[in-house]
């Protein structure tokens, strides 16, 4: 009887207590808790949401000037600034907004195309902005005749 009691207490001790505070014979599954902030801070970066980043002028006579305005909306939390622009085609000029575009307001970038020779044209405008993208690229195409 004493042996049975000793074995019973030994089993009870090993089965429910931890060995050096870390091992358990009958462990329970423990899942890590993912830490998340209680409140997410809104993005303070400016973001440009473009209506379209491509425009096709179609057929354009050589020497004739054509204009298109790309529209965008500042969907970010701070004013959007276009600080520079460049084009890969000498027959195209870019008119960028001179003032910053406030959050939830719209702005335009005007493209003037005046082809000097005949043929198919594919031109790109690169804008330097304070958005997370930093560089925004717009493209236009035309067939000059």
N, C-alpha and C. Protein backbone atom coordinates (compact mmCIF):
# COMPACT_ATOMS: atom_id res chain seq x y z
N UNK A 1 0.82 -1.18 0.00
CA UNK A 1 0.00 0.00 0.00
C UNK A 1 0.87 1.25 0.00
N UNK A 2 1.93 1.25 0.76
CA UNK A 2 2.83 2.41 0.80
C UNK A 2 3.46 2.63 -0.56
N UNK A 3 3.80 1.53 -1.23
CA UNK A 3 4.40 1.70 -2.56
C UNK A 3 3.40 2.35 -3.52
N UNK A 4 2.15 1.95 -3.41
CA UNK A 4 1.12 2.51 -4.29
C UNK A 4 0.95 4.01 -4.01
N UNK A 5 0.94 4.38 -2.73
CA UNK A 5 0.81 5.78 -2.39
C UNK A 5 2.02 6.59 -2.85
N UNK A 6 3.22 6.02 -2.69
CA UNK A 6 4.42 6.73 -3.13
C UNK A 6 4.41 6.91 -4.65
N UNK A 7 4.05 5.88 -5.38
CA UNK A 7 3.97 5.99 -6.85
C UNK A 7 2.88 6.98 -7.25
N UNK A 8 1.76 6.96 -6.56
CA UNK A 8 0.69 7.89 -6.87
C UNK A 8 1.14 9.33 -6.67
N UNK A 9 1.80 9.63 -5.54
CA UNK A 9 2.29 11.00 -5.28
C UNK A 9 3.41 11.39 -6.25
N UNK A 10 4.26 10.44 -6.63
CA UNK A 10 5.33 10.72 -7.59
C UNK A 10 4.72 11.06 -8.96
N UNK A 11 3.74 10.29 -9.38
CA UNK A 11 3.06 10.56 -10.65
C UNK A 11 2.34 11.90 -10.61
N UNK A 12 1.65 12.16 -9.50
CA UNK A 12 0.92 13.41 -9.34
C UNK A 12 1.88 14.59 -9.38
N UNK A 13 3.03 14.48 -8.74
CA UNK A 13 4.03 15.55 -8.72
C UNK A 13 4.62 15.78 -10.10
N UNK A 14 5.00 14.72 -10.80
CA UNK A 14 5.58 14.87 -12.14
C UNK A 14 4.55 15.32 -13.17
N UNK A 15 3.32 14.90 -12.98
CA UNK A 15 2.31 15.23 -13.98
C UNK A 15 1.78 16.64 -13.89
N UNK A 16 1.79 17.27 -12.74
CA UNK A 16 1.19 18.59 -12.61
C UNK A 16 2.20 19.70 -12.38
N UNK A 17 3.36 19.38 -11.92
CA UNK A 17 4.33 20.43 -11.61
C UNK A 17 5.32 20.56 -12.76
N UNK A 18 6.00 21.66 -12.77
CA UNK A 18 7.00 21.87 -13.80
C UNK A 18 8.37 21.47 -13.28
N UNK A 19 9.20 21.06 -14.19
CA UNK A 19 10.55 20.67 -13.84
C UNK A 19 11.43 21.89 -14.06
N UNK A 20 12.01 22.44 -13.01
CA UNK A 20 12.79 23.67 -13.04
C UNK A 20 11.98 24.85 -13.58
N UNK A 21 10.69 24.81 -13.48
CA UNK A 21 9.83 25.92 -13.87
C UNK A 21 9.62 26.05 -15.37
N UNK A 22 10.08 25.07 -16.20
CA UNK A 22 9.97 25.26 -17.63
C UNK A 22 9.29 24.10 -18.36
N UNK A 23 9.52 22.86 -17.96
CA UNK A 23 8.97 21.72 -18.67
C UNK A 23 7.73 21.19 -17.97
N UNK A 24 6.76 20.81 -18.76
CA UNK A 24 5.58 20.17 -18.20
C UNK A 24 5.37 18.86 -18.94
N UNK A 25 4.96 17.87 -18.24
CA UNK A 25 4.70 16.60 -18.88
C UNK A 25 3.42 16.67 -19.71
N UNK A 26 2.45 17.41 -19.23
CA UNK A 26 1.21 17.61 -19.97
C UNK A 26 1.10 19.08 -20.37
N UNK A 27 1.87 19.51 -21.37
CA UNK A 27 1.85 20.94 -21.71
C UNK A 27 0.55 21.34 -22.41
N UNK A 28 0.19 22.57 -22.24
CA UNK A 28 -0.96 23.12 -22.93
C UNK A 28 -0.44 23.93 -24.12
N UNK A 29 -1.24 24.04 -25.16
CA UNK A 29 -0.83 24.83 -26.31
C UNK A 29 -0.96 26.31 -25.96
N UNK A 30 0.11 27.04 -26.19
CA UNK A 30 0.12 28.47 -25.93
C UNK A 30 0.43 29.18 -27.24
N UNK A 31 -0.43 30.06 -27.63
CA UNK A 31 -0.25 30.79 -28.88
C UNK A 31 0.24 32.20 -28.57
N UNK A 32 1.21 32.68 -29.34
CA UNK A 32 1.69 34.04 -29.09
C UNK A 32 0.62 35.07 -29.43
N UNK A 33 0.60 36.13 -28.70
CA UNK A 33 -0.36 37.22 -28.91
C UNK A 33 0.32 38.26 -29.78
N UNK A 34 -0.35 38.61 -30.88
CA UNK A 34 0.21 39.62 -31.79
C UNK A 34 -0.09 41.00 -31.22
N UNK A 35 0.96 41.80 -31.10
CA UNK A 35 0.78 43.15 -30.55
C UNK A 35 0.44 44.10 -31.69
N UNK A 36 -0.65 44.82 -31.51
CA UNK A 36 -1.09 45.80 -32.49
C UNK A 36 -1.35 47.11 -31.76
N UNK A 37 -1.06 48.24 -32.43
CA UNK A 37 -1.38 49.50 -31.78
C UNK A 37 -2.90 49.67 -31.68
N UNK A 38 -3.34 50.33 -30.64
CA UNK A 38 -4.77 50.54 -30.46
C UNK A 38 -5.33 51.49 -31.50
N UNK A 39 -4.57 52.50 -31.86
CA UNK A 39 -5.01 53.46 -32.87
C UNK A 39 -3.95 53.56 -33.95
N UNK A 40 -4.38 53.59 -35.19
CA UNK A 40 -3.47 53.76 -36.32
C UNK A 40 -3.43 55.25 -36.66
N UNK A 41 -2.23 55.79 -36.77
CA UNK A 41 -2.09 57.20 -37.15
C UNK A 41 -2.35 57.35 -38.64
N UNK A 42 -3.07 58.37 -39.07
CA UNK A 42 -3.31 58.58 -40.49
C UNK A 42 -2.01 58.94 -41.19
N UNK A 43 -1.93 58.58 -42.47
CA UNK A 43 -0.74 58.90 -43.25
C UNK A 43 -0.67 60.40 -43.49
N UNK A 44 0.46 60.98 -43.18
CA UNK A 44 0.62 62.41 -43.38
C UNK A 44 1.27 62.72 -44.72
N UNK A 45 1.68 61.71 -45.45
CA UNK A 45 2.28 61.92 -46.76
C UNK A 45 1.21 62.37 -47.74
N UNK A 46 1.64 63.13 -48.73
CA UNK A 46 0.72 63.48 -49.80
C UNK A 46 0.71 62.33 -50.81
N UNK A 47 -0.43 62.09 -51.41
CA UNK A 47 -0.60 61.03 -52.40
C UNK A 47 -1.39 61.57 -53.57
N UNK A 48 -0.94 61.27 -54.78
CA UNK A 48 -1.63 61.71 -55.99
C UNK A 48 -2.44 60.56 -56.56
N UNK A 49 -3.73 60.79 -56.73
CA UNK A 49 -4.61 59.81 -57.36
C UNK A 49 -4.99 60.39 -58.73
N UNK A 50 -4.41 59.81 -59.78
CA UNK A 50 -4.59 60.34 -61.14
C UNK A 50 -5.84 59.78 -61.78
N UNK A 51 -6.56 60.63 -62.53
CA UNK A 51 -7.70 60.17 -63.31
C UNK A 51 -7.20 59.21 -64.37
N UNK A 52 -6.09 59.56 -65.01
CA UNK A 52 -5.42 58.72 -66.01
C UNK A 52 -3.98 59.19 -66.12
N UNK A 53 -3.07 58.28 -66.40
CA UNK A 53 -1.66 58.64 -66.60
C UNK A 53 -1.25 58.52 -68.07
N UNK A 54 -2.23 58.30 -68.96
CA UNK A 54 -1.96 58.16 -70.38
C UNK A 54 -3.02 58.91 -71.18
N UNK A 55 -2.58 59.54 -72.28
CA UNK A 55 -3.52 60.19 -73.18
C UNK A 55 -3.03 60.03 -74.61
N UNK A 56 -3.96 59.73 -75.53
CA UNK A 56 -3.65 59.60 -76.95
C UNK A 56 -4.25 60.80 -77.69
N UNK A 57 -3.37 61.63 -78.26
CA UNK A 57 -3.84 62.79 -79.01
C UNK A 57 -4.46 62.39 -80.35
N UNK A 58 -4.19 61.18 -80.81
CA UNK A 58 -4.70 60.74 -82.11
C UNK A 58 -3.87 61.35 -83.22
N UNK A 59 -4.53 61.74 -84.32
CA UNK A 59 -3.83 62.34 -85.45
C UNK A 59 -3.68 63.84 -85.23
N UNK A 60 -2.46 64.33 -85.35
CA UNK A 60 -2.16 65.75 -85.12
C UNK A 60 -1.37 66.27 -86.32
N UNK A 61 -1.79 67.40 -86.93
CA UNK A 61 -1.01 67.97 -88.04
C UNK A 61 0.34 68.50 -87.55
N UNK A 62 1.37 68.35 -88.37
CA UNK A 62 2.70 68.87 -88.02
C UNK A 62 2.60 70.38 -87.86
N UNK A 63 3.15 70.89 -86.76
CA UNK A 63 3.14 72.33 -86.48
C UNK A 63 1.92 72.81 -85.71
N UNK A 64 0.89 71.98 -85.60
CA UNK A 64 -0.31 72.37 -84.86
C UNK A 64 -0.11 72.06 -83.38
N UNK A 65 -0.57 72.98 -82.54
CA UNK A 65 -0.42 72.81 -81.09
C UNK A 65 -1.68 72.17 -80.51
N UNK A 66 -1.48 71.13 -79.70
CA UNK A 66 -2.58 70.43 -79.03
C UNK A 66 -2.31 70.46 -77.53
N UNK A 67 -3.37 70.56 -76.73
CA UNK A 67 -3.23 70.65 -75.28
C UNK A 67 -4.11 69.60 -74.60
N UNK A 68 -3.57 69.00 -73.53
CA UNK A 68 -4.35 68.09 -72.70
C UNK A 68 -3.97 68.36 -71.25
N UNK A 69 -4.96 68.26 -70.36
CA UNK A 69 -4.73 68.46 -68.92
C UNK A 69 -4.96 67.15 -68.17
N UNK A 70 -3.90 66.66 -67.54
CA UNK A 70 -4.01 65.49 -66.66
C UNK A 70 -4.53 65.97 -65.31
N UNK A 71 -5.57 65.33 -64.80
CA UNK A 71 -6.14 65.72 -63.51
C UNK A 71 -5.75 64.71 -62.43
N UNK A 72 -5.51 65.23 -61.24
CA UNK A 72 -5.19 64.37 -60.11
C UNK A 72 -5.82 64.96 -58.85
N UNK A 73 -5.93 64.11 -57.84
CA UNK A 73 -6.47 64.52 -56.55
C UNK A 73 -5.46 64.17 -55.47
N UNK A 74 -5.26 65.08 -54.53
CA UNK A 74 -4.38 64.82 -53.40
C UNK A 74 -5.18 64.02 -52.37
N UNK A 75 -4.89 62.73 -52.25
CA UNK A 75 -5.60 61.87 -51.31
C UNK A 75 -4.81 61.66 -50.03
N UNK A 76 -3.72 62.37 -49.87
CA UNK A 76 -2.88 62.24 -48.67
C UNK A 76 -3.27 63.24 -47.60
N UNK A 77 -2.41 63.35 -46.60
CA UNK A 77 -2.70 64.19 -45.45
C UNK A 77 -1.94 65.50 -45.41
N UNK A 78 -1.09 65.78 -46.39
CA UNK A 78 -0.37 67.05 -46.42
C UNK A 78 -0.38 67.60 -47.85
N UNK A 79 -0.08 68.89 -48.03
CA UNK A 79 -0.12 69.49 -49.37
C UNK A 79 0.82 68.78 -50.35
N UNK A 80 0.34 68.60 -51.57
CA UNK A 80 1.11 67.95 -52.62
C UNK A 80 1.80 69.02 -53.45
N UNK A 81 3.11 68.85 -53.64
CA UNK A 81 3.89 69.81 -54.42
C UNK A 81 4.56 69.10 -55.58
N UNK A 82 4.49 69.70 -56.75
CA UNK A 82 5.26 69.23 -57.90
C UNK A 82 6.42 70.21 -58.04
N UNK A 83 7.62 69.69 -57.78
CA UNK A 83 8.79 70.57 -57.70
C UNK A 83 9.62 70.59 -58.97
N UNK A 84 9.29 69.74 -59.94
CA UNK A 84 10.04 69.75 -61.19
C UNK A 84 9.40 68.83 -62.20
N UNK A 85 9.73 69.07 -63.47
CA UNK A 85 9.20 68.23 -64.54
C UNK A 85 10.19 68.19 -65.69
N UNK A 86 10.14 67.12 -66.45
CA UNK A 86 10.98 66.99 -67.65
C UNK A 86 10.24 66.13 -68.66
N UNK A 87 10.64 66.25 -69.91
CA UNK A 87 10.02 65.50 -70.99
C UNK A 87 11.11 64.88 -71.86
N UNK A 88 10.81 63.76 -72.48
CA UNK A 88 11.78 63.13 -73.37
C UNK A 88 11.63 63.59 -74.81
N UNK A 89 10.74 64.54 -75.05
CA UNK A 89 10.48 65.01 -76.41
C UNK A 89 10.55 66.53 -76.45
N UNK A 90 11.29 67.08 -77.41
CA UNK A 90 11.43 68.54 -77.51
C UNK A 90 10.17 69.21 -78.04
N UNK A 91 9.24 68.45 -78.60
CA UNK A 91 8.01 69.03 -79.14
C UNK A 91 6.91 69.13 -78.08
N UNK A 92 7.26 68.88 -76.83
CA UNK A 92 6.25 68.89 -75.77
C UNK A 92 6.71 69.79 -74.63
N UNK A 93 5.77 70.59 -74.11
CA UNK A 93 6.05 71.42 -72.94
C UNK A 93 5.07 71.03 -71.83
N UNK A 94 5.51 71.26 -70.59
CA UNK A 94 4.72 70.88 -69.43
C UNK A 94 4.46 72.12 -68.59
N UNK A 95 3.20 72.32 -68.20
CA UNK A 95 2.84 73.40 -67.29
C UNK A 95 2.32 72.74 -66.02
N UNK A 96 3.10 72.84 -64.95
CA UNK A 96 2.74 72.21 -63.68
C UNK A 96 2.10 73.25 -62.75
N UNK A 97 1.34 72.82 -61.75
CA UNK A 97 0.73 73.79 -60.84
C UNK A 97 1.81 74.55 -60.06
N UNK A 98 1.62 75.85 -59.93
CA UNK A 98 2.61 76.68 -59.23
C UNK A 98 2.42 76.61 -57.71
N UNK A 99 1.20 76.33 -57.26
CA UNK A 99 0.92 76.24 -55.82
C UNK A 99 0.76 74.78 -55.40
N UNK A 100 0.92 74.54 -54.12
CA UNK A 100 0.70 73.20 -53.56
C UNK A 100 -0.79 72.88 -53.61
N UNK A 101 -1.09 71.60 -53.82
CA UNK A 101 -2.47 71.14 -53.85
C UNK A 101 -2.80 70.59 -52.46
N UNK A 102 -3.77 71.21 -51.81
CA UNK A 102 -4.16 70.82 -50.45
C UNK A 102 -4.83 69.45 -50.43
N UNK A 103 -4.85 68.78 -49.28
CA UNK A 103 -5.52 67.48 -49.18
C UNK A 103 -6.99 67.54 -49.62
N UNK A 104 -7.43 66.52 -50.34
CA UNK A 104 -8.79 66.38 -50.89
C UNK A 104 -9.12 67.41 -51.96
N UNK A 105 -8.13 68.10 -52.49
CA UNK A 105 -8.34 69.05 -53.60
C UNK A 105 -7.73 68.47 -54.87
N UNK A 106 -8.17 69.00 -56.02
CA UNK A 106 -7.66 68.51 -57.30
C UNK A 106 -6.75 69.54 -57.95
N UNK A 107 -5.90 69.04 -58.81
CA UNK A 107 -4.97 69.87 -59.56
C UNK A 107 -4.81 69.32 -60.97
N UNK A 108 -4.14 70.08 -61.83
CA UNK A 108 -3.92 69.63 -63.20
C UNK A 108 -2.47 69.86 -63.61
N UNK A 109 -2.01 69.02 -64.52
CA UNK A 109 -0.73 69.18 -65.20
C UNK A 109 -1.06 69.29 -66.68
N UNK A 110 -0.68 70.42 -67.28
CA UNK A 110 -1.02 70.68 -68.68
C UNK A 110 0.13 70.26 -69.59
N UNK A 111 -0.21 69.52 -70.65
CA UNK A 111 0.76 69.06 -71.63
C UNK A 111 0.43 69.74 -72.96
N UNK A 112 1.42 70.43 -73.52
CA UNK A 112 1.26 71.05 -74.84
C UNK A 112 2.14 70.29 -75.84
N UNK A 113 1.52 69.80 -76.90
CA UNK A 113 2.23 69.02 -77.91
C UNK A 113 2.20 69.77 -79.24
N UNK A 114 3.36 69.96 -79.84
CA UNK A 114 3.46 70.62 -81.15
C UNK A 114 4.49 69.84 -81.97
N UNK A 115 4.02 68.83 -82.73
CA UNK A 115 4.95 67.99 -83.47
C UNK A 115 5.67 68.77 -84.57
N UNK A 116 6.96 68.43 -84.77
CA UNK A 116 7.76 69.11 -85.79
C UNK A 116 8.05 68.22 -86.99
N UNK A 117 7.71 66.93 -86.89
CA UNK A 117 7.91 66.02 -88.03
C UNK A 117 6.81 64.96 -88.01
N UNK A 118 6.67 64.26 -89.15
CA UNK A 118 5.62 63.24 -89.24
C UNK A 118 6.07 61.94 -88.59
N UNK A 119 5.08 61.14 -88.17
CA UNK A 119 5.37 59.83 -87.61
C UNK A 119 4.64 59.59 -86.31
N UNK A 120 4.85 58.39 -85.78
CA UNK A 120 4.24 58.00 -84.52
C UNK A 120 5.08 58.51 -83.36
N UNK A 121 4.43 59.08 -82.37
CA UNK A 121 5.12 59.65 -81.22
C UNK A 121 4.64 58.97 -79.94
N UNK A 122 5.59 58.69 -79.07
CA UNK A 122 5.28 58.19 -77.71
C UNK A 122 6.19 59.00 -76.79
N UNK A 123 5.60 59.91 -76.02
CA UNK A 123 6.37 60.82 -75.17
C UNK A 123 6.03 60.60 -73.70
N UNK A 124 7.03 60.88 -72.86
CA UNK A 124 6.87 60.70 -71.41
C UNK A 124 7.18 62.01 -70.70
N UNK A 125 6.42 62.27 -69.65
CA UNK A 125 6.66 63.42 -68.78
C UNK A 125 6.97 62.86 -67.40
N UNK A 126 8.07 63.30 -66.82
CA UNK A 126 8.46 62.88 -65.48
C UNK A 126 8.26 64.04 -64.53
N UNK A 127 7.50 63.80 -63.46
CA UNK A 127 7.23 64.83 -62.46
C UNK A 127 7.91 64.45 -61.15
N UNK A 128 8.55 65.42 -60.52
CA UNK A 128 9.15 65.22 -59.20
C UNK A 128 8.17 65.79 -58.19
N UNK A 129 7.73 64.93 -57.25
CA UNK A 129 6.71 65.33 -56.28
C UNK A 129 7.16 64.98 -54.86
N UNK A 130 6.38 65.41 -53.89
CA UNK A 130 6.64 65.05 -52.50
C UNK A 130 5.75 63.89 -52.04
N UNK A 131 5.28 63.06 -52.98
CA UNK A 131 4.49 61.88 -52.64
C UNK A 131 5.42 60.74 -52.26
N UNK A 132 4.85 59.63 -51.83
CA UNK A 132 5.67 58.47 -51.49
C UNK A 132 6.33 57.88 -52.73
N UNK A 133 5.74 58.09 -53.90
CA UNK A 133 6.32 57.62 -55.15
C UNK A 133 7.51 58.48 -55.58
N UNK A 134 7.54 59.73 -55.20
CA UNK A 134 8.54 60.76 -55.54
C UNK A 134 8.52 61.09 -57.03
N UNK A 135 8.60 60.09 -57.89
CA UNK A 135 8.58 60.32 -59.34
C UNK A 135 7.25 59.80 -59.89
N UNK A 136 6.54 60.67 -60.58
CA UNK A 136 5.30 60.29 -61.27
C UNK A 136 5.57 60.41 -62.76
N UNK A 137 5.14 59.41 -63.55
CA UNK A 137 5.37 59.42 -64.99
C UNK A 137 4.04 59.45 -65.72
N UNK A 138 3.89 60.40 -66.61
CA UNK A 138 2.72 60.51 -67.47
C UNK A 138 3.18 60.22 -68.90
N UNK A 139 2.30 59.66 -69.71
CA UNK A 139 2.69 59.38 -71.11
C UNK A 139 1.60 59.82 -72.06
N UNK A 140 2.04 60.26 -73.23
CA UNK A 140 1.12 60.65 -74.30
C UNK A 140 1.60 60.03 -75.60
N UNK A 141 0.67 59.84 -76.51
CA UNK A 141 1.03 59.34 -77.84
C UNK A 141 0.26 60.14 -78.88
N UNK A 142 0.79 60.15 -80.10
CA UNK A 142 0.16 60.87 -81.21
C UNK A 142 0.74 60.35 -82.52
N UNK A 143 0.01 60.59 -83.57
CA UNK A 143 0.50 60.32 -84.91
C UNK A 143 0.49 61.65 -85.65
N UNK A 144 1.68 62.15 -85.94
CA UNK A 144 1.80 63.44 -86.62
C UNK A 144 1.79 63.22 -88.12
N UNK A 145 0.99 64.05 -88.83
CA UNK A 145 0.91 63.94 -90.29
C UNK A 145 1.11 65.27 -90.95
